[in-house]
Amino acid sequence: MIKIPPYLKKGDTIGLVCPAGYMPFERVKTCVNTLQDWGYNVNVGATVGGGSATYFSGTDEERLRDFQAMLDNDEVKTIVCARGGYGTGRIIDQLDFKKFKKNPKWIVGYSDITVLHAHIYSNYYIATLHAPMAGAFNEGGAGNEFVGSLKQALEGKKINYSCATHPDNRKGEAIGELVGGNLALLAHLVGTDSDLKTKGKILFIEDVGEQLYNLDRMLYQLKRSGKLAKLAGLIYGGFTETKDTDRPFGQTIDEILRHAVAEYDYPVCYDFPVSHTDRNYALKVGVGYKLRVGKSKVTLQE
């Protein structure tokens, strides 16, 4: 059975780190203030606003040290990643999860943080939280329902989401553990120690800023490695800011997604609110859900 980290209580401490790309401290202030308004203490890691004038929030060693310190700090009950980008895969194999296994805590984030979600689920069978990060709190986002869903998830509220139907939806009902995240990362993790086993699972995937041909290629990588064949159900989130080549690929994103799973018969939901936009519900990775893809609406219930 999946191990669920303790939910938060008022006065608990949340660690805030950047295990991958750089994030200026000014961009996390609203997040810090909001978490404090929710009743939590915030321990801001050295990688937030850290690093030199490179893409990363610090050297591999600095990012590893900062994240490891949060993992091992008994006072820190949850680790929120301030942003994704790229870089978690460079340090994942050096992280020591011994203490975390005995006393798990929620790991929060999405995008590049998919590496952590997949690695922790596959190796330690501990739930994590695919959810909005620090940037989502800015420009009024702290008050929307999607950032609110992070608060509810951290406090142990049962998840019960619904969304509109889509013309390509395949109706049906699925029950299984929810796994997934960013398509590019899931494809890159195939064959590594963080690779996901998806048989019998509800898989969710999303991506941003990719060429149409590359999305098709990554879906075929999942398909050829058996990740799409025996799912309980599939949730397609947002595939935003897609690009096409000068000579058109020849299919829309919906056609690409539909074609990838045309031969299977499990329920499929399109355009679920999990994405790189502000439409990004908190999802507990590894936890059991019921997905209903119906005629008038789609529901996902814990």
C-alpha atoms as a PDB file:
ATOM      1  CA  MET A   1       0.000   0.000   0.000  1.00  0.00           C
ATOM      2  CA  ILE A   2       1.196   3.492  -0.843  1.00  0.00           C
ATOM      3  CA  LYS A   3       2.662   5.374   2.099  1.00  0.00           C
ATOM      4  CA  ILE A   4       1.031   8.774   2.646  1.00  0.00           C
ATOM      5  CA  PRO A   5       3.172  11.489   4.297  1.00  0.00           C
ATOM      6  CA  PRO A   6       1.541  13.288   7.238  1.00  0.00           C
ATOM      7  CA  TYR A   7      -0.737  16.156   6.295  1.00  0.00           C
ATOM      8  CA  LEU A   8       0.147  19.602   7.554  1.00  0.00           C
ATOM      9  CA  LYS A   9      -1.025  21.287  10.747  1.00  0.00           C
ATOM     10  CA  LYS A  10      -0.934  24.999  11.490  1.00  0.00           C
ATOM     11  CA  GLY A  11       2.537  25.972  12.681  1.00  0.00           C
ATOM     12  CA  ASP A  12       4.322  23.313  10.602  1.00  0.00           C
ATOM     13  CA  THR A  13       7.347  24.332   8.539  1.00  0.00           C
ATOM     14  CA  ILE A  14       7.488  24.217   4.742  1.00  0.00           C
ATOM     15  CA  GLY A  15      10.878  24.181   3.039  1.00  0.00           C
ATOM     16  CA  LEU A  16      11.195  26.122  -0.229  1.00  0.00           C
ATOM     17  CA  VAL A  17      13.962  25.110  -2.649  1.00  0.00           C
ATOM     18  CA  CYS A  18      15.053  25.309  -6.298  1.00  0.00           C
ATOM     19  CA  PRO A  19      16.499  21.896  -7.259  1.00  0.00           C
ATOM     20  CA  ALA A  20      16.734  22.823 -10.939  1.00  0.00           C
ATOM     21  CA  GLY A  21      16.362  26.210 -12.661  1.00  0.00           C
ATOM     22  CA  TYR A  22      17.055  29.642 -11.189  1.00  0.00           C
ATOM     23  CA  MET A  23      14.253  31.631  -9.538  1.00  0.00           C
ATOM     24  CA  PRO A  24      14.818  35.203  -8.266  1.00  0.00           C
ATOM     25  CA  PHE A  25      13.758  35.755  -4.684  1.00  0.00           C
ATOM     26  CA  GLU A  26      11.380  38.528  -5.772  1.00  0.00           C
ATOM     27  CA  ARG A  27       9.335  35.902  -7.634  1.00  0.00           C
ATOM     28  CA  VAL A  28       8.808  33.778  -4.526  1.00  0.00           C
ATOM     29  CA  LYS A  29       7.825  36.519  -2.068  1.00  0.00           C
ATOM     30  CA  THR A  30       4.089  36.166  -2.684  1.00  0.00           C
ATOM     31  CA  CYS A  31       4.346  32.406  -2.241  1.00  0.00           C
ATOM     32  CA  VAL A  32       6.211  32.792   1.057  1.00  0.00           C
ATOM     33  CA  ASN A  33       3.720  35.378   2.325  1.00  0.00           C
ATOM     34  CA  THR A  34       0.748  33.236   1.312  1.00  0.00           C
ATOM     35  CA  LEU A  35       2.105  30.096   2.958  1.00  0.00           C
ATOM     36  CA  GLN A  36       2.609  32.132   6.116  1.00  0.00           C
ATOM     37  CA  ASP A  37      -0.943  33.489   5.818  1.00  0.00           C
ATOM     38  CA  TRP A  38      -2.111  29.874   5.646  1.00  0.00           C
ATOM     39  CA  GLY A  39      -0.533  29.365   9.057  1.00  0.00           C
ATOM     40  CA  TYR A  40       2.802  27.775   8.170  1.00  0.00           C
ATOM     41  CA  ASN A  41       6.408  28.694   8.809  1.00  0.00           C
ATOM     42  CA  VAL A  42       8.656  28.859   5.743  1.00  0.00           C
ATOM     43  CA  ASN A  43      12.302  27.817   5.590  1.00  0.00           C
ATOM     44  CA  VAL A  44      13.759  29.358   2.415  1.00  0.00           C
ATOM     45  CA  GLY A  45      16.638  27.314   1.017  1.00  0.00           C
ATOM     46  CA  ALA A  46      19.946  28.685  -0.204  1.00  0.00           C
ATOM     47  CA  THR A  47      19.063  27.844  -3.823  1.00  0.00           C
ATOM     48  CA  VAL A  48      16.121  30.272  -3.893  1.00  0.00           C
ATOM     49  CA  GLY A  49      17.585  33.316  -5.628  1.00  0.00           C
ATOM     50  CA  GLY A  50      20.951  31.554  -5.561  1.00  0.00           C
ATOM     51  CA  GLY A  51      23.417  30.495  -8.181  1.00  0.00           C
ATOM     52  CA  SER A  52      25.669  32.351 -10.571  1.00  0.00           C
ATOM     53  CA  ALA A  53      24.654  33.871 -13.891  1.00  0.00           C
ATOM     54  CA  THR A  54      23.798  30.459 -15.364  1.00  0.00           C
ATOM     55  CA  TYR A  55      20.532  28.658 -15.984  1.00  0.00           C
ATOM     56  CA  PHE A  56      20.692  26.748 -12.697  1.00  0.00           C
ATOM     57  CA  SER A  57      19.918  27.858  -9.140  1.00  0.00           C
ATOM     58  CA  GLY A  58      23.359  26.668  -8.104  1.00  0.00           C
ATOM     59  CA  THR A  59      25.953  24.077  -8.996  1.00  0.00           C
ATOM     60  CA  ASP A  60      24.882  20.439  -8.903  1.00  0.00           C
ATOM     61  CA  GLU A  61      26.599  20.164  -5.516  1.00  0.00           C
ATOM     62  CA  GLU A  62      24.819  23.249  -4.131  1.00  0.00           C
ATOM     63  CA  ARG A  63      21.408  22.110  -5.313  1.00  0.00           C
ATOM     64  CA  LEU A  64      22.025  18.614  -3.997  1.00  0.00           C
ATOM     65  CA  ARG A  65      23.137  19.944  -0.622  1.00  0.00           C
ATOM     66  CA  ASP A  66      20.152  22.290  -0.286  1.00  0.00           C
ATOM     67  CA  PHE A  67      17.575  19.633  -1.161  1.00  0.00           C
ATOM     68  CA  GLN A  68      19.269  17.020   1.009  1.00  0.00           C
ATOM     69  CA  ALA A  69      19.219  19.418   3.967  1.00  0.00           C
ATOM     70  CA  MET A  70      15.464  19.865   3.562  1.00  0.00           C
ATOM     71  CA  LEU A  71      14.951  16.097   3.253  1.00  0.00           C
ATOM     72  CA  ASP A  72      16.883  15.485   6.472  1.00  0.00           C
ATOM     73  CA  ASN A  73      15.518  18.406   8.510  1.00  0.00           C
ATOM     74  CA  ASP A  74      12.991  17.009  10.999  1.00  0.00           C
ATOM     75  CA  GLU A  75      11.390  20.438  11.384  1.00  0.00           C
ATOM     76  CA  VAL A  76      10.532  20.623   7.676  1.00  0.00           C
ATOM     77  CA  LYS A  77       7.271  18.758   7.068  1.00  0.00           C
ATOM     78  CA  THR A  78       6.851  19.554   3.356  1.00  0.00           C
ATOM     79  CA  ILE A  79       9.235  20.592   0.575  1.00  0.00           C
ATOM     80  CA  VAL A  80       7.824  22.949  -2.057  1.00  0.00           C
ATOM     81  CA  CYS A  81       9.931  23.353  -5.181  1.00  0.00           C
ATOM     82  CA  ALA A  82       9.865  27.000  -6.228  1.00  0.00           C
ATOM     83  CA  ARG A  83      10.231  26.165  -9.922  1.00  0.00           C
ATOM     84  CA  GLY A  84      11.127  23.404 -12.342  1.00  0.00           C
ATOM     85  CA  GLY A  85      13.008  24.067 -15.566  1.00  0.00           C
ATOM     86  CA  TYR A  86      15.825  21.547 -15.855  1.00  0.00           C
ATOM     87  CA  GLY A  87      18.351  20.037 -13.488  1.00  0.00           C
ATOM     88  CA  THR A  88      16.687  17.600 -11.074  1.00  0.00           C
ATOM     89  CA  GLY A  89      17.816  14.630 -13.154  1.00  0.00           C
ATOM     90  CA  ARG A  90      21.444  15.708 -12.646  1.00  0.00           C
ATOM     91  CA  ILE A  91      21.221  15.203  -8.863  1.00  0.00           C
ATOM     92  CA  ILE A  92      18.514  12.568  -8.326  1.00  0.00           C
ATOM     93  CA  ASP A  93      20.935   9.624  -8.090  1.00  0.00           C
ATOM     94  CA  GLN A  94      23.043  11.362  -5.449  1.00  0.00           C
ATOM     95  CA  LEU A  95      20.136  12.162  -3.114  1.00  0.00           C
ATOM     96  CA  ASP A  96      19.987  10.027   0.041  1.00  0.00           C
ATOM     97  CA  PHE A  97      16.400   9.033   0.849  1.00  0.00           C
ATOM     98  CA  LYS A  98      17.177   6.858   3.920  1.00  0.00           C
ATOM     99  CA  LYS A  99      15.781   9.320   6.437  1.00  0.00           C
ATOM    100  CA  PHE A 100      12.943  10.307   4.108  1.00  0.00           C
ATOM    101  CA  LYS A 101      11.822   6.667   3.824  1.00  0.00           C
ATOM    102  CA  LYS A 102      11.404   6.421   7.585  1.00  0.00           C
ATOM    103  CA  ASN A 103       9.785   9.842   7.972  1.00  0.00           C
ATOM    104  CA  PRO A 104       8.296  10.876   4.628  1.00  0.00           C
ATOM    105  CA  LYS A 105       7.166  14.402   3.861  1.00  0.00           C
ATOM    106  CA  TRP A 106       5.250  15.863   0.937  1.00  0.00           C
ATOM    107  CA  ILE A 107       7.380  16.812  -2.083  1.00  0.00           C
ATOM    108  CA  VAL A 108       5.547  19.457  -4.133  1.00  0.00           C
ATOM    109  CA  GLY A 109       6.012  20.667  -7.700  1.00  0.00           C
ATOM    110  CA  TYR A 110       5.574  19.810 -11.376  1.00  0.00           C
ATOM    111  CA  SER A 111       7.421  20.057 -14.697  1.00  0.00           C
ATOM    112  CA  ASP A 112      11.056  19.029 -13.990  1.00  0.00           C
ATOM    113  CA  ILE A 113       9.897  17.889 -10.531  1.00  0.00           C
ATOM    114  CA  THR A 114       8.294  14.954 -12.370  1.00  0.00           C
ATOM    115  CA  VAL A 115      11.712  13.326 -11.862  1.00  0.00           C
ATOM    116  CA  LEU A 116      11.188  13.361  -8.085  1.00  0.00           C
ATOM    117  CA  HIS A 117       7.587  12.174  -8.309  1.00  0.00           C
ATOM    118  CA  ALA A 118       8.504   9.214 -10.517  1.00  0.00           C
ATOM    119  CA  HIS A 119      11.673   8.310  -8.616  1.00  0.00           C
ATOM    120  CA  ILE A 120      10.040   8.376  -5.177  1.00  0.00           C
ATOM    121  CA  TYR A 121       6.996   6.417  -6.324  1.00  0.00           C
ATOM    122  CA  SER A 122       9.001   3.789  -8.226  1.00  0.00           C
ATOM    123  CA  ASN A 123      11.676   3.244  -5.577  1.00  0.00           C
ATOM    124  CA  TYR A 124      10.016   3.986  -2.235  1.00  0.00           C
ATOM    125  CA  TYR A 125       6.259   3.798  -2.889  1.00  0.00           C
ATOM    126  CA  ILE A 126       5.611   7.100  -1.117  1.00  0.00           C
ATOM    127  CA  ALA A 127       3.013   9.613  -2.314  1.00  0.00           C
ATOM    128  CA  THR A 128       4.077  13.047  -3.595  1.00  0.00           C
ATOM    129  CA  LEU A 129       2.169  16.098  -4.782  1.00  0.00           C
ATOM    130  CA  HIS A 130       2.115  17.297  -8.400  1.00  0.00           C
ATOM    131  CA  ALA A 131       0.944  20.861  -7.817  1.00  0.00           C
ATOM    132  CA  PRO A 132       1.457  24.602  -8.414  1.00  0.00           C
ATOM    133  CA  MET A 133       4.844  26.083  -7.522  1.00  0.00           C
ATOM    134  CA  ALA A 134       5.908  29.541  -6.389  1.00  0.00           C
ATOM    135  CA  GLY A 135       5.267  31.353  -9.659  1.00  0.00           C
ATOM    136  CA  ALA A 136       1.596  30.374  -9.574  1.00  0.00           C
ATOM    137  CA  PHE A 137       1.059  32.580  -6.516  1.00  0.00           C
ATOM    138  CA  ASN A 138       1.972  35.779  -8.389  1.00  0.00           C
ATOM    139  CA  GLU A 139      -0.330  38.207 -10.226  1.00  0.00           C
ATOM    140  CA  GLY A 140      -3.373  37.304  -8.139  1.00  0.00           C
ATOM    141  CA  GLY A 141      -2.889  33.559  -8.524  1.00  0.00           C
ATOM    142  CA  ALA A 142      -2.673  33.012  -4.764  1.00  0.00           C
ATOM    143  CA  GLY A 143      -6.443  33.413  -4.607  1.00  0.00           C
ATOM    144  CA  ASN A 144      -7.485  31.078  -7.409  1.00  0.00           C
ATOM    145  CA  GLU A 145      -8.924  27.579  -7.041  1.00  0.00           C
ATOM    146  CA  PHE A 146      -5.822  25.863  -8.374  1.00  0.00           C
ATOM    147  CA  VAL A 147      -3.426  27.305  -5.799  1.00  0.00           C
ATOM    148  CA  GLY A 148      -6.255  26.689  -3.326  1.00  0.00           C
ATOM    149  CA  SER A 149      -6.209  23.024  -4.302  1.00  0.00           C
ATOM    150  CA  LEU A 150      -2.581  22.864  -3.095  1.00  0.00           C
ATOM    151  CA  LYS A 151      -3.658  24.112   0.333  1.00  0.00           C
ATOM    152  CA  GLN A 152      -6.500  21.620   0.482  1.00  0.00           C
ATOM    153  CA  ALA A 153      -4.242  18.726  -0.558  1.00  0.00           C
ATOM    154  CA  LEU A 154      -1.583  19.601   2.036  1.00  0.00           C
ATOM    155  CA  GLU A 155      -4.268  19.712   4.725  1.00  0.00           C
ATOM    156  CA  GLY A 156      -5.588  16.275   3.800  1.00  0.00           C
ATOM    157  CA  LYS A 157      -8.797  17.187   1.998  1.00  0.00           C
ATOM    158  CA  LYS A 158      -9.998  14.425  -0.309  1.00  0.00           C
ATOM    159  CA  ILE A 159      -9.640  15.329  -3.954  1.00  0.00           C
ATOM    160  CA  ASN A 160     -12.814  15.623  -6.006  1.00  0.00           C
ATOM    161  CA  TYR A 161     -12.337  17.479  -9.288  1.00  0.00           C
ATOM    162  CA  SER A 162     -14.507  17.813 -12.347  1.00  0.00           C
ATOM    163  CA  CYS A 163     -13.997  19.302 -15.781  1.00  0.00           C
ATOM    164  CA  ALA A 164     -15.862  19.758 -19.034  1.00  0.00           C
ATOM    165  CA  THR A 165     -16.109  17.068 -21.670  1.00  0.00           C
ATOM    166  CA  HIS A 166     -14.039  17.027 -24.855  1.00  0.00           C
ATOM    167  CA  PRO A 167     -15.093  15.708 -28.284  1.00  0.00           C
ATOM    168  CA  ASP A 168     -12.289  13.131 -28.236  1.00  0.00           C
ATOM    169  CA  ASN A 169     -13.003  11.788 -24.731  1.00  0.00           C
ATOM    170  CA  ARG A 170     -13.426   8.018 -24.493  1.00  0.00           C
ATOM    171  CA  LYS A 171     -16.133   7.311 -21.954  1.00  0.00           C
ATOM    172  CA  GLY A 172     -15.714   4.863 -19.119  1.00  0.00           C
ATOM    173  CA  GLU A 173     -14.634   4.423 -15.516  1.00  0.00           C
ATOM    174  CA  ALA A 174     -11.158   3.643 -14.203  1.00  0.00           C
ATOM    175  CA  ILE A 175      -9.863   2.888 -10.714  1.00  0.00           C
ATOM    176  CA  GLY A 176      -6.150   2.872  -9.969  1.00  0.00           C
ATOM    177  CA  GLU A 177      -3.169   4.685  -8.546  1.00  0.00           C
ATOM    178  CA  LEU A 178      -2.483   7.993 -10.254  1.00  0.00           C
ATOM    179  CA  VAL A 179       0.998   8.472 -11.748  1.00  0.00           C
ATOM    180  CA  GLY A 180       2.517  10.748 -14.341  1.00  0.00           C
ATOM    181  CA  GLY A 181       3.574  14.332 -14.941  1.00  0.00           C
ATOM    182  CA  ASN A 182       5.452  16.075 -17.716  1.00  0.00           C
ATOM    183  CA  LEU A 183       5.594  14.069 -20.947  1.00  0.00           C
ATOM    184  CA  ALA A 184       9.164  15.048 -21.821  1.00  0.00           C
ATOM    185  CA  LEU A 185      10.436  13.944 -18.423  1.00  0.00           C
ATOM    186  CA  LEU A 186       8.480  10.689 -18.443  1.00  0.00           C
ATOM    187  CA  ALA A 187       9.956   9.855 -21.845  1.00  0.00           C
ATOM    188  CA  HIS A 188      13.482  10.735 -20.690  1.00  0.00           C
ATOM    189  CA  LEU A 189      13.110   8.570 -17.570  1.00  0.00           C
ATOM    190  CA  VAL A 190      12.488   5.378 -19.557  1.00  0.00           C
ATOM    191  CA  GLY A 191      15.296   2.929 -18.797  1.00  0.00           C
ATOM    192  CA  THR A 192      16.513   4.775 -15.699  1.00  0.00           C
ATOM    193  CA  ASP A 193      16.134   3.990 -12.004  1.00  0.00           C
ATOM    194  CA  SER A 194      13.248   6.491 -11.953  1.00  0.00           C
ATOM    195  CA  ASP A 195      11.246   4.771 -14.701  1.00  0.00           C
ATOM    196  CA  LEU A 196       7.516   4.397 -14.024  1.00  0.00           C
ATOM    197  CA  LYS A 197       5.585   1.141 -14.178  1.00  0.00           C
ATOM    198  CA  THR A 198       2.172   2.094 -15.534  1.00  0.00           C
ATOM    199  CA  LYS A 199       0.265  -1.210 -15.820  1.00  0.00           C
ATOM    200  CA  GLY A 200      -3.108  -0.849 -14.094  1.00  0.00           C
ATOM    201  CA  LYS A 201      -2.481   2.823 -13.291  1.00  0.00           C
ATOM    202  CA  ILE A 202      -4.291   6.034 -14.218  1.00  0.00           C
ATOM    203  CA  LEU A 203      -1.641   7.973 -16.128  1.00  0.00           C
ATOM    204  CA  PHE A 204      -1.707  11.762 -16.509  1.00  0.00           C
ATOM    205  CA  ILE A 205       0.567  13.714 -18.856  1.00  0.00           C
ATOM    206  CA  GLU A 206       1.031  17.344 -19.913  1.00  0.00           C
ATOM    207  CA  ASP A 207       3.652  19.494 -21.623  1.00  0.00           C
ATOM    208  CA  VAL A 208       4.512  23.000 -22.788  1.00  0.00           C
ATOM    209  CA  GLY A 209       6.413  24.683 -25.613  1.00  0.00           C
ATOM    210  CA  GLU A 210       7.166  21.568 -27.669  1.00  0.00           C
ATOM    211  CA  GLN A 211       7.224  21.028 -31.414  1.00  0.00           C
ATOM    212  CA  LEU A 212       4.315  18.870 -32.596  1.00  0.00           C
ATOM    213  CA  TYR A 213       6.688  16.276 -34.044  1.00  0.00           C
ATOM    214  CA  ASN A 214       8.519  16.065 -30.724  1.00  0.00           C
ATOM    215  CA  LEU A 215       5.286  15.471 -28.799  1.00  0.00           C
ATOM    216  CA  ASP A 216       4.511  12.679 -31.257  1.00  0.00           C
ATOM    217  CA  ARG A 217       8.009  11.236 -30.799  1.00  0.00           C
ATOM    218  CA  MET A 218       7.759  11.269 -26.994  1.00  0.00           C
ATOM    219  CA  LEU A 219       4.338   9.612 -27.050  1.00  0.00           C
ATOM    220  CA  TYR A 220       5.771   6.895 -29.265  1.00  0.00           C
ATOM    221  CA  GLN A 221       8.656   6.489 -26.828  1.00  0.00           C
ATOM    222  CA  LEU A 222       6.095   5.785 -24.081  1.00  0.00           C
ATOM    223  CA  LYS A 223       4.113   3.548 -26.406  1.00  0.00           C
ATOM    224  CA  ARG A 224       7.094   1.497 -27.616  1.00  0.00           C
ATOM    225  CA  SER A 225       8.264   1.005 -24.024  1.00  0.00           C
ATOM    226  CA  GLY A 226       4.833  -0.366 -23.046  1.00  0.00           C
ATOM    227  CA  LYS A 227       3.731   2.590 -20.918  1.00  0.00           C
ATOM    228  CA  LEU A 228       0.426   3.144 -22.748  1.00  0.00           C
ATOM    229  CA  ALA A 229      -0.726  -0.427 -23.387  1.00  0.00           C
ATOM    230  CA  LYS A 230      -2.257  -1.614 -20.112  1.00  0.00           C
ATOM    231  CA  LEU A 231      -3.422   1.507 -18.340  1.00  0.00           C
ATOM    232  CA  ALA A 232      -6.575   1.658 -16.243  1.00  0.00           C
ATOM    233  CA  GLY A 233      -7.193   5.119 -17.692  1.00  0.00           C
ATOM    234  CA  LEU A 234      -5.447   8.084 -19.268  1.00  0.00           C
ATOM    235  CA  ILE A 235      -5.690  11.795 -18.480  1.00  0.00           C
ATOM    236  CA  TYR A 236      -4.361  14.222 -21.051  1.00  0.00           C
ATOM    237  CA  GLY A 237      -3.717  17.580 -19.415  1.00  0.00           C
ATOM    238  CA  GLY A 238      -2.786  20.784 -21.197  1.00  0.00           C
ATOM    239  CA  PHE A 239      -0.382  20.742 -24.139  1.00  0.00           C
ATOM    240  CA  THR A 240       0.219  24.454 -24.379  1.00  0.00           C
ATOM    241  CA  GLU A 241       2.345  26.743 -26.559  1.00  0.00           C
ATOM    242  CA  THR A 242       2.848  23.988 -29.128  1.00  0.00           C
ATOM    243  CA  LYS A 243       4.903  24.823 -32.210  1.00  0.00           C
ATOM    244  CA  ASP A 244       4.961  23.540 -35.761  1.00  0.00           C
ATOM    245  CA  THR A 245       7.792  23.230 -38.258  1.00  0.00           C
ATOM    246  CA  ASP A 246       8.017  25.297 -41.456  1.00  0.00           C
ATOM    247  CA  ARG A 247       6.873  22.250 -43.349  1.00  0.00           C
ATOM    248  CA  PRO A 248       3.787  21.330 -41.265  1.00  0.00           C
ATOM    249  CA  PHE A 249       3.759  18.152 -39.238  1.00  0.00           C
ATOM    250  CA  GLY A 250       0.302  17.411 -40.608  1.00  0.00           C
ATOM    251  CA  GLN A 251      -1.609  16.704 -37.420  1.00  0.00           C
ATOM    252  CA  THR A 252      -3.036  18.903 -34.689  1.00  0.00           C
ATOM    253  CA  ILE A 253      -2.133  18.202 -31.081  1.00  0.00           C
ATOM    254  CA  ASP A 254      -5.542  16.585 -30.515  1.00  0.00           C
ATOM    255  CA  GLU A 255      -4.992  14.317 -33.515  1.00  0.00           C
ATOM    256  CA  ILE A 256      -1.541  13.359 -32.219  1.00  0.00           C
ATOM    257  CA  LEU A 257      -2.925  12.514 -28.787  1.00  0.00           C
ATOM    258  CA  ARG A 258      -5.868  10.581 -30.219  1.00  0.00           C
ATOM    259  CA  HIS A 259      -3.739   8.579 -32.631  1.00  0.00           C
ATOM    260  CA  ALA A 260      -1.293   7.506 -29.914  1.00  0.00           C
ATOM    261  CA  VAL A 261      -3.973   5.545 -28.018  1.00  0.00           C
ATOM    262  CA  ALA A 262      -6.463   4.719 -30.764  1.00  0.00           C
ATOM    263  CA  GLU A 263      -5.961   0.955 -30.426  1.00  0.00           C
ATOM    264  CA  TYR A 264      -6.647   0.814 -26.688  1.00  0.00           C
ATOM    265  CA  ASP A 265     -10.054   0.695 -25.015  1.00  0.00           C
ATOM    266  CA  TYR A 266      -9.536   2.299 -21.597  1.00  0.00           C
ATOM    267  CA  PRO A 267     -11.221   5.635 -20.746  1.00  0.00           C
ATOM    268  CA  VAL A 268      -9.388   8.751 -21.908  1.00  0.00           C
ATOM    269  CA  CYS A 269      -9.941  12.329 -20.750  1.00  0.00           C
ATOM    270  CA  TYR A 270      -8.649  15.276 -22.780  1.00  0.00           C
ATOM    271  CA  ASP A 271      -7.844  18.813 -21.579  1.00  0.00           C
ATOM    272  CA  PHE A 272      -7.963  18.068 -17.852  1.00  0.00           C
ATOM    273  CA  PRO A 273      -6.816  21.102 -15.778  1.00  0.00           C
ATOM    274  CA  VAL A 274      -3.250  19.987 -15.123  1.00  0.00           C
ATOM    275  CA  SER A 275      -0.775  22.032 -17.123  1.00  0.00           C
ATOM    276  CA  HIS A 276       1.925  24.698 -17.273  1.00  0.00           C
ATOM    277  CA  THR A 277      -0.794  27.378 -17.173  1.00  0.00           C
ATOM    278  CA  ASP A 278      -2.693  28.580 -14.117  1.00  0.00           C
ATOM    279  CA  ARG A 279      -5.150  25.700 -14.727  1.00  0.00           C
ATOM    280  CA  ASN A 280      -3.210  23.213 -12.652  1.00  0.00           C
ATOM    281  CA  TYR A 281      -4.966  21.211  -9.955  1.00  0.00           C
ATOM    282  CA  ALA A 282      -2.941  19.564  -7.188  1.00  0.00           C
ATOM    283  CA  LEU A 283      -2.755  15.793  -7.723  1.00  0.00           C
ATOM    284  CA  LYS A 284      -1.483  13.268  -5.192  1.00  0.00           C
ATOM    285  CA  VAL A 285       0.861  10.994  -7.120  1.00  0.00           C
ATOM    286  CA  GLY A 286       0.609   7.326  -6.140  1.00  0.00           C
ATOM    287  CA  VAL A 287      -2.755   7.673  -4.420  1.00  0.00           C
ATOM    288  CA  GLY A 288      -5.783   5.679  -5.587  1.00  0.00           C
ATOM    289  CA  TYR A 289      -8.407   7.531  -7.636  1.00  0.00           C
ATOM    290  CA  LYS A 290     -11.596   6.890  -9.531  1.00  0.00           C
ATOM    291  CA  LEU A 291     -11.787   8.490 -12.959  1.00  0.00           C
ATOM    292  CA  ARG A 292     -15.209   8.801 -14.580  1.00  0.00           C
ATOM    293  CA  VAL A 293     -15.324  10.031 -18.163  1.00  0.00           C
ATOM    294  CA  GLY A 294     -19.006  10.622 -18.766  1.00  0.00           C
ATOM    295  CA  LYS A 295     -21.292  12.154 -21.345  1.00  0.00           C
ATOM    296  CA  SER A 296     -21.779  15.474 -19.552  1.00  0.00           C
ATOM    297  CA  LYS A 297     -18.645  15.799 -17.382  1.00  0.00           C
ATOM    298  CA  VAL A 298     -15.426  14.203 -16.185  1.00  0.00           C
ATOM    299  CA  THR A 299     -14.732  13.563 -12.495  1.00  0.00           C
ATOM    300  CA  LEU A 300     -11.568  12.517 -10.666  1.00  0.00           C
ATOM    301  CA  GLN A 301     -12.131  11.445  -7.075  1.00  0.00           C
ATOM    302  CA  GLU A 302      -9.715  10.274  -4.420  1.00  0.00           C
END
